[in-house]
Every structure is written in structure tokens, then in C-alpha cells.
Amino acid sequence: MGAGVASSSRVDSIWRRSVSTEQSEVRLSRGEATNPAWITARSWPTVLRISTGLIALIGLAGVAWWRSGADLRRVVELLGQAHWGYVAMAFAAYYGSFPLRAWRWHRLLSQLPTHARSIRSYHLLRPYLYGWLLNCALPAKVGELYRSYLAHRRLQTSLGTIVGTVLVERTADFLFLAALFPLVAVLALGTDPGRPILLLQLVAVFTSIALVAGLFALRRLGRFLGILPAFLQRPAQTLASGLLVDRRTGIALGISTLPLWLLEGLRVYAESRALDLYLSPPLTLLVALVAALLTTVPLTPAGVGAVELGIASTLALLGIPIEQAIALALLDRFVAYWSVFPVAGVPWLIDHLRGS
């Protein structure tokens, strides 16, 4: 009996210290938010990192352009002659994926003992778009944390648990990317796709292995809570709870992830047809996979520079005229990157001004 009381007292003590720590962090963050000097001090490293990455990639792009001998006027001419019906199809394929992404995330949240069952998947559409917007504005996929925070505010549940569901979601994306990459490469290029494609395949496979191993390690955190410092015990427990996926949810996760990649391929296919390029479906999906993999480059937001170089280089290696390859790369980034700023940025600004 005495041991039980002591254990209960210890749990209460840990819980109070955790809550006190969280409240202190909230007060600190509020104080920091009102301190312009702090904002400037924290913003400069990010600005410097983005600027350095952009300068390096612009330099590489300039060298690649010079070595390729591409005709800039021809590239502009190709973009000006694009068939806007196919461009509209590319937009529909790209933004049509977001309701499915929101549904998938809602399915992961719904299995948790939270208030997620009381909301619909379309309630998560805005947080998803706003997180995507931040991914396009800042490096290192910071938007994933932002959409987790927005969902945490709406659901009134642990932020760590929601971050756990996001980690599961992104790992599923990478697993499908790693599985599809070699299959699509063989269908598009044969058994000898070339060294650059093989290198990207290896990067995808090893990244997937690292993500899965990391998730399994995090799921085992519950067994080691006793050896963690008190202030880490509650965050570790909530994060681990968000990583648990039952069988039915896992099946739904897999079934909903495959169409997302097919929509990515459809986007590139529509863009190629807009430029009068006749690429096979496996080849367009391969280009989409290359672009998706390169968006994870942490130096720049959404892999700016690296993605354009990757798409153009892949197409050029396949014998596509360099001007058409560059035009397709630029059109794809217009659809899948630059358009995000007005499409998601305007609603975000309206919500921000309304204080929602």
C-alpha cells in the first residue's frame, strides 16, 4: 500500500513538474514573441542559411546552363506556347491531392484517444495547406511542425502525439517513394538506368531505412521513461503514442498513399503535354519521384534550385532537348512550388488578420 502511494505521489510530482515546465515554456515563448531583438537574433541564421543555399544552387544552375548551351529565348518561347488546358490539369492533379492528404492524416488522428473523431477531414485541409506553405518558405520541412501545432490548437490534444502521426505519414510517403523508384526506373529506362538514377535510388532506400528504424526506436521510448529526466518523460510518452498504428489504419494509410504518387505522376504528364512533349507514364512518374526526393534537400525551402536541376538533368540524360527539359522543370516548379504562395498564402493572411 505504501509503495503504491509512493508511486502515485511520484507520478503526481512528475506530472506537476511537466505542466510547470510547459507553462514556463509558454510564458517564455510569449515573451520572446514580443521581443523584436529575439526575433531578429533567431531569424538571421535561417535567412543566412537560405541565402547561402540559394546562392550556391544559383551558381550551380548558372554553370549547368552555360555548359548545356541552352537557348534562353527558346525556353521562354516554349513556356509562352504552353497549352493552358494541360496546365490546368496539372494544377487539378496537384491541388486535388490535398483533400486526400487531409483524409489520410485524419485517419491517423482518429485512431487516437483524442477529440479528432469529432472533426471532419476537411477541417484539417487548411492546417495542411498552411504547413505546405511554410515548407515552401523555410528549409528543413518546418511546415510539418507548424501544421502539427495548428492541429494541436484545434483538437486540444498533445502536440507530441500529433507530431507522431505526422512522422508516420511522412515515413509512409518515403517508403512508397523508395519502393516505386526502382520499379518505375526499370519500366522507363530498362535494367541499366545510369549512375545518377541509381544514386538517387540508394538515397531513397537508405533514407527510408533510417526513418523506419527511427520510428521503431521512438516507439520503444515508453520502456525507458524511468531513466529519462522528468521534464522529458511526458513529451516522450505523447510522441510514442502518436506513432502507434493499428492494422486497419495501416491498410488505409497504404491504400491512400499510392494514389498520391499517381497524382504526382499525372501532374508531370500534364505539364509535359502542355509543352508538346510525349513522355511515357513511367517516365513522368520517374520525374515526379526525382522531384519529390530532391525537395528534401535541407539547404533551401522545398529544394529550390536542386529540384529544377534534377528534373532538367534527368530529362536531358534521356535525350530530351535541353530547352524542353528546362521549360518542363520551370513549369513544374510554377505549378508545385510558386503557386502555393498565393493559393495557401492568401487564406493564411486572411485568417491571420482575422485572428483565427
Foldseek 3Di string as FASTA:
>chain_A
DVVVVVVVVVVVVLVVVQVVVVVVVVVVVVVLVPDVVSVVVVVVVQVVLQVVLVVVLVVVVVVVCVVQVDDPVLLVVLLVQFDVVLLVLLLCLQVVLLLLVLQLLLLLVVVAPFCSVVDDSVVLSLLVLQLLQVLLVGFQSVSLLSSLVVVCVVGVDDSLLSSLSSLVLVLLLLVVLLVVLVVLQCVQPNPDSDDVSVVLSVVSVVVSVVSVVVLVVLLCVQVVLVVDPSNVNVSSVSNNSNNDDDDVSVVVSNVSSVVSLLSLLSSLCSLCVSSVHHGDSSVSSNLSSQLQSCLNPRSHRRNVSNNLVRQLVSVVVVVDRSSSSNSSSVSVCVSNRVVSCVVSVVVVVVCVVVVD
